[in-house]
Amino acid sequence: MSTEIERIVIAGAGQAGVQAALSLRIEGFTGKIALVGDEAFLPYQRPPLSKAYLKGNVTRDALQIAKPALLAERNIDLHLGEVVSSIDREKKCLLLAEGKALSYDRLILATGTRSRPLSIPGANLPGVVMLRTVTDADCLARLLGGARQIAIIGGGFIGLEFAAVARELDKQVTVIEASSRVMMRAVSPEISNFFEKTHRDKGATVICNEGVSEIVSENNQLKGIRLASGKEFPADLVMIGVGALPNCGIAEAAGLAVEDGILVNDALQTSDSHIFAIGDCCRVRADGGRHLTRIESVQNATDQGRHAAYVIMKAPSPYQAVPWFWSDQYEYKLQMAGLISEADTQIIKGSPADGKFSVFSFKSGIFIGSESVNSPLDHVLTRKALNENIALSPDYLSDATVSIKQAIEAATAT
């Protein structure tokens, strides 16, 4: 460690920020660490909010990323419920809204994302909610108990996970997705089709290729939604889940390079080498360096937190972790590894009809990722193949009698 680094400030007390703080101690940093979060709660996990927490299967305490005793033991100074107002790069200090200034030798921005707003009439009515924070989840849970007809705007992961919870509670559910298929930005057509059919089979109405033009009310009382086509659906609860926006305002105001996120090099450094950005808020070259992307996942947040700590304490090195994700909907667990949006060949193994299958994706003959439904071994083996750059043969894997395990064995035997 350079002797000039005595104070590290981390803006953002989510998964990435907490991991960076803990990893700095693991890497041997003995100086001061300040962890700043704009929520008053101890750092918590977000993925369960749309699933187990909403159903009441997980308590708020169980959401904690790290117990208070651990953070105290690691001598991590928590600043909760404090909003960052600006960065003074010349003086190397982070300015908080209440007037406090935190000096730093290295600054890590882990500011995450916020829910993308929907600019249509009625979006601010009582009974219209978004789901990003534990406060949002608490509000949604209260409303869910008394709701009978629920409209969900957005057929992405959050929207569909909430739809599954609502149907399990026997609520009437309508999902509206503007794209031609659900989860279109993240998954293959085969996976979209499987989950769209699943939701319909479970009793939900799923409508794609339709936008919502208005959330309808009468005397400020929520009544339903109106589609661009003019069709209306009744609702006494509307959940908006149309994506997330990166929180990069303070970075942009400080003159750092931003474009749909805070831009970082492969060592996670911003355009100011004393400032790092990690997690959902940043765009880094990923997936073998083939393209610049912004990834929203727990794995990416934690891996980048570890990597930033390593770079600060040891030496710059490229961030090369293979991204992976998951989603729980009804009795199905979807696990994804790699980035498959540019795939030109996809091979299905297993049986969608039986609810247990995987889709393996290739681009120009190169294996780039997979999506597995209730097939955890396929997911584990995919991550192994991607991490070890194993050159799988699409021709060999397309043989119905060949498993992913056999394809890996064949590729590593040559």
Protein backbone atom coordinates (compact mmCIF):
# COMPACT_ATOMS: atom_id res chain seq x y z
CA MET A 1 0.00 0.00 0.00
CA SER A 2 1.14 3.47 -0.83
CA THR A 3 1.91 5.40 2.36
CA GLU A 4 -0.05 8.37 0.97
CA ILE A 5 -3.37 6.53 1.38
CA GLU A 6 -4.67 7.10 4.89
CA ARG A 7 -8.35 7.93 4.32
CA ILE A 8 -10.82 6.21 2.03
CA VAL A 9 -14.39 7.42 1.66
CA ILE A 10 -17.09 5.26 0.08
CA ALA A 11 -20.23 7.00 -1.20
CA GLY A 12 -22.99 4.40 -1.18
CA ALA A 13 -23.79 1.86 1.53
CA GLY A 14 -25.25 -0.90 -0.62
CA GLN A 15 -23.81 -4.22 -1.69
CA ALA A 16 -20.85 -2.73 -3.58
CA GLY A 17 -19.94 -0.14 -0.97
CA VAL A 18 -20.06 -2.53 1.98
CA GLN A 19 -18.04 -5.14 0.08
CA ALA A 20 -15.40 -2.56 -0.80
CA ALA A 21 -15.10 -1.49 2.85
CA LEU A 22 -14.77 -5.07 4.13
CA SER A 23 -12.36 -6.02 1.34
CA LEU A 24 -10.10 -3.06 2.10
CA ARG A 25 -9.64 -4.46 5.61
CA ILE A 26 -9.04 -7.95 4.22
CA GLU A 27 -6.38 -6.50 1.90
CA GLY A 28 -4.66 -4.94 4.92
CA PHE A 29 -5.76 -1.30 4.87
CA THR A 30 -5.41 0.12 8.38
CA GLY A 31 -6.41 3.73 7.73
CA LYS A 32 -9.80 5.41 8.11
CA ILE A 33 -12.81 4.16 6.14
CA ALA A 34 -16.01 6.22 5.98
CA LEU A 35 -19.10 4.56 4.48
CA VAL A 36 -21.86 7.00 3.55
CA GLY A 37 -25.46 5.94 2.85
CA ASP A 38 -28.46 8.12 2.11
CA GLU A 39 -30.89 5.71 3.80
CA ALA A 40 -31.18 5.62 7.58
CA PHE A 41 -31.12 1.81 7.68
CA LEU A 42 -28.14 -0.46 8.05
CA PRO A 43 -26.90 -1.70 4.65
CA TYR A 44 -29.29 -4.31 3.28
CA GLN A 45 -29.81 -6.71 0.36
CA ARG A 46 -32.21 -5.57 -2.36
CA PRO A 47 -33.00 -8.77 -4.34
CA PRO A 48 -35.29 -10.25 -1.64
CA LEU A 49 -37.43 -7.11 -1.61
CA SER A 50 -39.50 -8.26 -4.60
CA LYS A 51 -39.70 -11.85 -3.41
CA ALA A 52 -39.15 -13.29 0.10
CA TYR A 53 -39.34 -9.97 1.98
CA LEU A 54 -42.52 -8.92 0.23
CA LYS A 55 -44.11 -12.26 1.13
CA GLY A 56 -43.08 -11.86 4.78
CA ASN A 57 -40.66 -14.81 4.66
CA VAL A 58 -37.64 -12.63 5.51
CA THR A 59 -37.35 -10.00 8.24
CA ARG A 60 -35.67 -6.64 7.82
CA ASP A 61 -32.82 -7.73 10.11
CA ALA A 62 -32.24 -10.76 7.90
CA LEU A 63 -31.71 -8.43 4.94
CA GLN A 64 -28.59 -6.90 6.48
CA ILE A 65 -25.49 -7.30 4.34
CA ALA A 66 -23.19 -7.09 7.35
CA LYS A 67 -24.06 -7.08 11.04
CA PRO A 68 -23.33 -3.88 12.99
CA ALA A 69 -20.85 -5.75 15.20
CA LEU A 70 -18.80 -6.78 12.17
CA LEU A 71 -18.67 -3.25 10.76
CA ALA A 72 -17.65 -1.92 14.20
CA GLU A 73 -15.01 -4.62 14.58
CA ARG A 74 -13.57 -3.66 11.18
CA ASN A 75 -13.53 -0.01 12.29
CA ILE A 76 -15.76 1.14 9.44
CA ASP A 77 -17.28 4.54 10.21
CA LEU A 78 -20.93 4.55 9.15
CA HIS A 79 -22.68 7.74 8.04
CA LEU A 80 -26.28 6.64 7.53
CA GLY A 81 -29.14 8.87 6.43
CA GLU A 82 -26.67 11.38 4.97
CA VAL A 83 -26.95 12.66 1.41
CA VAL A 84 -23.86 13.50 -0.62
CA SER A 85 -24.13 16.96 -2.17
CA SER A 86 -20.87 17.22 -4.14
CA ILE A 87 -17.27 16.19 -4.64
CA ASP A 88 -14.46 18.72 -4.30
CA ARG A 89 -11.75 17.05 -6.38
CA GLU A 90 -9.20 19.79 -5.80
CA LYS A 91 -9.45 19.56 -2.00
CA LYS A 92 -10.18 15.79 -2.13
CA CYS A 93 -13.26 15.87 0.02
CA LEU A 94 -16.82 14.62 -0.17
CA LEU A 95 -19.38 17.23 0.86
CA LEU A 96 -22.57 16.13 2.60
CA ALA A 97 -25.89 17.96 2.40
CA GLU A 98 -25.80 18.88 6.10
CA GLY A 99 -22.50 20.68 5.63
CA LYS A 100 -20.09 17.98 6.77
CA ALA A 101 -16.94 17.38 4.69
CA LEU A 102 -15.13 14.02 4.54
CA SER A 103 -11.55 14.23 3.31
CA TYR A 104 -10.22 11.35 1.23
CA ASP A 105 -7.07 10.05 -0.38
CA ARG A 106 -9.17 7.65 -2.42
CA LEU A 107 -12.90 7.96 -3.08
CA ILE A 108 -15.11 5.05 -4.14
CA LEU A 109 -18.45 5.88 -5.73
CA ALA A 110 -20.98 3.09 -5.18
CA THR A 111 -24.09 5.21 -5.59
CA GLY A 112 -26.25 2.55 -7.27
CA THR A 113 -29.40 3.32 -9.22
CA ARG A 114 -32.87 4.75 -8.76
CA SER A 115 -36.17 3.64 -10.26
CA ARG A 116 -36.82 5.05 -13.72
CA PRO A 117 -39.86 7.33 -13.47
CA LEU A 118 -42.81 6.99 -15.83
CA SER A 119 -43.96 10.35 -17.18
CA ILE A 120 -47.64 9.74 -17.78
CA PRO A 121 -50.77 11.27 -16.22
CA GLY A 122 -51.60 9.68 -12.88
CA ALA A 123 -48.10 8.39 -12.11
CA ASN A 124 -48.14 10.17 -8.74
CA LEU A 125 -51.56 8.98 -7.58
CA PRO A 126 -51.96 7.24 -4.21
CA GLY A 127 -51.72 3.51 -4.82
CA VAL A 128 -49.10 3.87 -7.55
CA VAL A 129 -45.73 2.60 -6.36
CA MET A 130 -42.24 1.64 -7.49
CA LEU A 131 -39.97 -0.90 -5.84
CA ARG A 132 -36.37 -0.02 -5.13
CA THR A 133 -35.86 0.45 -1.38
CA VAL A 134 -36.99 -1.36 1.75
CA THR A 135 -39.32 1.58 2.40
CA ASP A 136 -40.88 0.99 -1.03
CA ALA A 137 -41.27 -2.70 -0.20
CA ASP A 138 -42.94 -1.95 3.15
CA CYS A 139 -45.38 0.41 1.42
CA LEU A 140 -46.09 -2.13 -1.32
CA ALA A 141 -46.69 -4.91 1.21
CA ARG A 142 -49.24 -2.77 3.06
CA LEU A 143 -51.10 -1.90 -0.13
CA LEU A 144 -50.92 -5.46 -1.42
CA GLY A 145 -52.89 -6.79 1.53
CA GLY A 146 -56.00 -4.79 0.64
CA ALA A 147 -55.65 -4.84 -3.16
CA ARG A 148 -57.74 -7.06 -5.43
CA GLN A 149 -56.77 -5.94 -8.95
CA ILE A 150 -53.12 -5.17 -9.65
CA ALA A 151 -51.60 -3.64 -12.77
CA ILE A 152 -47.86 -3.95 -13.30
CA ILE A 153 -46.24 -1.63 -15.82
CA GLY A 154 -43.08 -3.33 -17.03
CA GLY A 155 -42.37 -6.99 -17.70
CA GLY A 156 -38.80 -7.08 -16.48
CA PHE A 157 -37.41 -9.04 -13.54
CA ILE A 158 -38.91 -6.82 -10.82
CA GLY A 159 -42.31 -6.66 -12.44
CA LEU A 160 -42.55 -10.41 -13.05
CA GLU A 161 -41.23 -11.33 -9.61
CA PHE A 162 -43.86 -9.08 -8.05
CA ALA A 163 -46.50 -10.56 -10.37
CA ALA A 164 -45.62 -14.04 -9.11
CA VAL A 165 -45.96 -12.95 -5.48
CA ALA A 166 -49.31 -11.28 -6.18
CA ARG A 167 -50.72 -14.31 -7.99
CA GLU A 168 -49.63 -16.58 -5.15
CA LEU A 169 -51.79 -14.35 -2.95
CA ASP A 170 -54.66 -14.88 -5.41
CA LYS A 171 -54.71 -11.29 -6.66
CA GLN A 172 -55.89 -10.45 -10.16
CA VAL A 173 -52.76 -9.43 -12.06
CA THR A 174 -52.23 -7.64 -15.38
CA VAL A 175 -48.70 -7.12 -16.71
CA ILE A 176 -48.12 -4.58 -19.47
CA GLU A 177 -44.80 -4.68 -21.36
CA ALA A 178 -43.95 -2.16 -24.08
CA SER A 179 -41.46 -4.48 -25.82
CA SER A 180 -42.39 -7.47 -27.95
CA ARG A 181 -41.58 -9.94 -25.14
CA VAL A 182 -40.97 -9.96 -21.38
CA MET A 183 -37.43 -9.48 -20.00
CA MET A 184 -36.38 -8.72 -23.57
CA ARG A 185 -33.21 -6.79 -22.72
CA ALA A 186 -31.78 -9.58 -20.58
CA VAL A 187 -32.87 -12.99 -21.84
CA SER A 188 -33.30 -15.07 -24.98
CA PRO A 189 -36.65 -15.47 -26.76
CA GLU A 190 -36.89 -19.04 -25.44
CA ILE A 191 -36.68 -17.85 -21.82
CA SER A 192 -39.11 -14.98 -22.47
CA ASN A 193 -41.62 -17.37 -24.01
CA PHE A 194 -41.31 -19.85 -21.13
CA PHE A 195 -41.94 -17.26 -18.41
CA GLU A 196 -44.65 -15.46 -20.35
CA LYS A 197 -46.50 -18.78 -20.70
CA THR A 198 -45.84 -19.58 -17.04
CA HIS A 199 -47.42 -16.33 -15.86
CA ARG A 200 -50.43 -16.85 -18.10
CA ASP A 201 -50.82 -20.45 -16.93
CA LYS A 202 -50.76 -19.17 -13.33
CA GLY A 203 -53.67 -16.85 -14.11
CA ALA A 204 -51.98 -13.52 -14.88
CA THR A 205 -52.82 -11.44 -17.95
CA VAL A 206 -49.65 -10.56 -19.88
CA ILE A 207 -49.80 -8.01 -22.70
CA CYS A 208 -46.74 -7.17 -24.78
CA ASN A 209 -46.18 -4.53 -27.48
CA GLU A 210 -48.40 -2.10 -25.60
CA GLY A 211 -47.62 1.11 -23.76
CA VAL A 212 -49.57 2.68 -20.92
CA SER A 213 -50.78 6.18 -21.74
CA GLU A 214 -52.47 7.04 -18.46
CA ILE A 215 -53.12 5.84 -14.94
CA VAL A 216 -56.83 6.51 -14.52
CA SER A 217 -58.45 8.03 -11.44
CA GLU A 218 -61.75 9.42 -10.26
CA ASN A 219 -61.74 12.09 -7.54
CA ASN A 220 -58.03 11.32 -7.00
CA GLN A 221 -58.94 7.66 -6.41
CA LEU A 222 -57.01 5.10 -8.45
CA LYS A 223 -59.29 3.27 -10.90
CA GLY A 224 -56.97 1.55 -13.38
CA ILE A 225 -54.73 2.00 -16.40
CA ARG A 226 -55.37 3.03 -19.98
CA LEU A 227 -53.22 1.65 -22.78
CA ALA A 228 -52.07 3.59 -25.82
CA SER A 229 -54.59 1.54 -27.81
CA GLY A 230 -57.37 2.90 -25.62
CA LYS A 231 -58.09 -0.34 -23.81
CA GLU A 232 -58.55 -0.03 -20.04
CA PHE A 233 -57.88 -2.40 -17.15
CA PRO A 234 -59.21 -1.83 -13.62
CA ALA A 235 -56.68 -1.66 -10.79
CA ASP A 236 -56.60 -0.63 -7.14
CA LEU A 237 -52.81 -1.00 -7.04
CA VAL A 238 -50.31 -0.11 -9.79
CA MET A 239 -46.64 -1.05 -9.63
CA ILE A 240 -44.25 0.67 -12.04
CA GLY A 241 -41.15 -1.32 -12.92
CA VAL A 242 -39.67 0.13 -16.10
CA GLY A 243 -35.97 -0.08 -15.28
CA ALA A 244 -33.40 1.90 -13.35
CA LEU A 245 -31.24 4.96 -13.87
CA PRO A 246 -27.66 5.20 -12.58
CA ASN A 247 -27.00 7.71 -9.82
CA CYS A 248 -24.16 9.61 -11.44
CA GLY A 249 -25.22 13.21 -10.82
CA ILE A 250 -22.51 14.04 -8.30
CA ALA A 251 -19.88 12.46 -10.57
CA GLU A 252 -21.04 14.47 -13.57
CA ALA A 253 -21.15 17.68 -11.53
CA ALA A 254 -17.56 17.01 -10.44
CA GLY A 255 -16.45 16.77 -14.07
CA LEU A 256 -16.01 13.00 -14.23
CA ALA A 257 -16.80 11.22 -17.48
CA VAL A 258 -20.34 9.81 -17.50
CA GLU A 259 -22.58 8.18 -20.11
CA ASP A 260 -25.45 6.05 -18.83
CA GLY A 261 -23.29 5.59 -15.74
CA ILE A 262 -19.90 6.64 -14.45
CA LEU A 263 -17.28 5.55 -16.98
CA VAL A 264 -14.36 3.56 -15.58
CA ASN A 265 -11.32 1.83 -17.01
CA ASP A 266 -10.71 -1.87 -16.51
CA ALA A 267 -9.19 -1.15 -13.09
CA LEU A 268 -12.48 0.58 -12.09
CA GLN A 269 -10.88 4.03 -11.99
CA THR A 270 -12.85 7.01 -13.23
CA SER A 271 -11.35 9.82 -15.31
CA ASP A 272 -9.83 10.93 -11.98
CA SER A 273 -7.37 8.23 -10.88
CA HIS A 274 -8.07 8.99 -7.21
CA ILE A 275 -11.77 8.16 -7.65
CA PHE A 276 -13.20 4.69 -8.34
CA ALA A 277 -16.75 3.73 -9.29
CA ILE A 278 -18.27 0.30 -8.69
CA GLY A 279 -21.57 -1.54 -8.88
CA ASP A 280 -24.77 -0.55 -10.65
CA CYS A 281 -23.72 3.08 -11.13
CA CYS A 282 -20.70 2.44 -13.36
CA ARG A 283 -19.95 1.29 -16.90
CA VAL A 284 -16.92 -0.92 -17.31
CA ARG A 285 -15.63 -3.03 -20.14
CA ALA A 286 -16.79 -6.52 -19.27
CA ASP A 287 -17.32 -10.03 -20.66
CA GLY A 288 -13.75 -10.44 -21.87
CA GLY A 289 -13.50 -6.77 -22.83
CA ARG A 290 -15.77 -7.09 -25.85
CA HIS A 291 -18.06 -4.20 -25.04
CA LEU A 292 -18.75 -1.46 -22.50
CA THR A 293 -21.76 -2.20 -20.36
CA ARG A 294 -23.47 -1.33 -17.10
CA ILE A 295 -24.46 -4.40 -15.11
CA GLU A 296 -27.03 -4.43 -12.32
CA SER A 297 -26.44 -7.51 -10.17
CA VAL A 298 -25.31 -8.53 -6.71
CA GLN A 299 -22.41 -10.53 -8.14
CA ASN A 300 -21.13 -7.57 -10.14
CA ALA A 301 -21.42 -5.25 -7.13
CA THR A 302 -19.56 -7.56 -4.77
CA ASP A 303 -16.88 -8.56 -7.28
CA GLN A 304 -16.21 -4.94 -8.18
CA GLY A 305 -16.06 -4.01 -4.49
CA ARG A 306 -13.38 -6.67 -3.98
CA HIS A 307 -11.52 -5.64 -7.10
CA ALA A 308 -11.44 -1.92 -6.26
CA ALA A 309 -9.99 -2.78 -2.85
CA TYR A 310 -7.33 -4.96 -4.48
CA VAL A 311 -6.37 -2.24 -6.96
CA ILE A 312 -6.11 0.39 -4.22
CA MET A 313 -4.00 -1.82 -1.97
CA LYS A 314 -1.95 -3.77 -4.49
CA ALA A 315 -1.75 -2.69 -8.13
CA PRO A 316 -4.02 -1.89 -11.09
CA SER A 317 -5.32 -5.00 -12.80
CA PRO A 318 -8.20 -5.58 -15.20
CA TYR A 319 -11.63 -6.46 -13.86
CA GLN A 320 -12.63 -9.61 -15.73
CA ALA A 321 -15.31 -11.32 -13.65
CA VAL A 322 -17.97 -13.20 -15.59
CA PRO A 323 -21.38 -11.67 -14.78
CA TRP A 324 -24.15 -13.88 -13.45
CA PHE A 325 -27.71 -13.22 -12.34
CA TRP A 326 -30.82 -14.95 -11.05
CA SER A 327 -34.57 -14.50 -10.74
CA ASP A 328 -37.17 -16.45 -8.74
CA GLN A 329 -40.68 -16.62 -10.21
CA TYR A 330 -43.18 -19.10 -8.77
CA GLU A 331 -41.44 -22.49 -8.43
CA TYR A 332 -38.87 -21.62 -11.09
CA LYS A 333 -35.33 -20.35 -10.52
CA LEU A 334 -33.74 -18.71 -13.55
CA GLN A 335 -29.94 -18.52 -13.41
CA MET A 336 -27.93 -16.69 -16.04
CA ALA A 337 -24.20 -16.47 -16.72
CA GLY A 338 -22.46 -14.30 -19.28
CA LEU A 339 -23.98 -11.65 -21.53
CA ILE A 340 -26.05 -13.14 -24.34
CA SER A 341 -27.65 -10.15 -26.11
CA GLU A 342 -25.39 -10.55 -29.18
CA ALA A 343 -25.92 -14.30 -29.58
CA ASP A 344 -26.49 -15.62 -33.10
CA THR A 345 -26.88 -19.29 -32.13
CA GLN A 346 -28.79 -20.75 -29.21
CA ILE A 347 -29.02 -24.41 -28.22
CA ILE A 348 -31.70 -25.73 -25.88
CA LYS A 349 -30.92 -28.67 -23.61
CA GLY A 350 -33.57 -30.23 -21.41
CA SER A 351 -37.32 -29.82 -21.54
CA PRO A 352 -39.18 -26.49 -21.27
CA ALA A 353 -42.39 -28.52 -20.99
CA ASP A 354 -41.01 -30.14 -17.82
CA GLY A 355 -39.81 -26.79 -16.45
CA LYS A 356 -36.16 -27.87 -16.40
CA PHE A 357 -33.92 -26.75 -19.25
CA SER A 358 -31.03 -24.51 -20.33
CA VAL A 359 -30.35 -22.25 -23.29
CA PHE A 360 -26.69 -22.07 -24.35
CA SER A 361 -25.68 -19.04 -26.43
CA PHE A 362 -22.92 -18.61 -28.99
CA LYS A 363 -21.69 -15.72 -31.09
CA SER A 364 -19.72 -16.56 -34.23
CA GLY A 365 -19.05 -20.00 -32.79
CA ILE A 366 -17.81 -18.65 -29.42
CA PHE A 367 -19.64 -19.63 -26.23
CA ILE A 368 -20.86 -16.47 -24.49
CA GLY A 369 -23.35 -17.58 -21.84
CA SER A 370 -26.35 -19.58 -20.72
CA GLU A 371 -29.73 -19.32 -19.05
CA SER A 372 -30.87 -22.22 -16.88
CA VAL A 373 -34.32 -22.91 -15.46
CA ASN A 374 -34.27 -25.23 -12.44
CA SER A 375 -30.96 -26.60 -13.75
CA PRO A 376 -28.33 -25.46 -11.23
CA LEU A 377 -25.61 -27.83 -12.45
CA ASP A 378 -25.81 -26.39 -15.97
CA HIS A 379 -25.39 -22.92 -14.47
CA VAL A 380 -22.36 -23.92 -12.39
CA LEU A 381 -20.71 -25.62 -15.37
CA THR A 382 -21.42 -22.62 -17.59
CA ARG A 383 -19.65 -20.33 -15.16
CA LYS A 384 -16.71 -22.72 -15.12
CA ALA A 385 -16.54 -22.72 -18.92
CA LEU A 386 -16.73 -18.93 -19.13
CA ASN A 387 -14.25 -18.31 -16.32
CA GLU A 388 -11.73 -20.73 -17.83
CA ASN A 389 -12.35 -19.64 -21.43
CA ILE A 390 -13.20 -23.19 -22.45
CA ALA A 391 -13.93 -23.28 -26.18
CA LEU A 392 -17.16 -25.24 -26.39
CA SER A 393 -18.24 -26.55 -29.77
CA PRO A 394 -21.77 -25.51 -30.76
CA ASP A 395 -21.92 -28.39 -33.24
CA TYR A 396 -21.02 -30.93 -30.55
CA LEU A 397 -23.32 -29.41 -27.93
CA SER A 398 -26.24 -29.37 -30.39
CA ASP A 399 -26.25 -33.17 -30.30
CA ALA A 400 -29.32 -34.05 -28.21
CA THR A 401 -27.38 -36.80 -26.41
CA VAL A 402 -24.54 -34.48 -25.28
CA SER A 403 -24.72 -32.62 -21.93
CA ILE A 404 -22.89 -29.42 -21.05
CA LYS A 405 -20.64 -31.50 -18.79
CA GLN A 406 -19.70 -33.77 -21.70
CA ALA A 407 -19.13 -30.77 -23.96
CA ILE A 408 -16.71 -29.26 -21.41
CA GLU A 409 -14.90 -32.59 -21.00
CA ALA A 410 -14.53 -32.89 -24.77
CA ALA A 411 -13.26 -29.32 -25.12
CA THR A 412 -10.67 -29.71 -22.36
CA ALA A 413 -9.47 -33.11 -23.59
CA THR A 414 -8.10 -31.67 -26.84
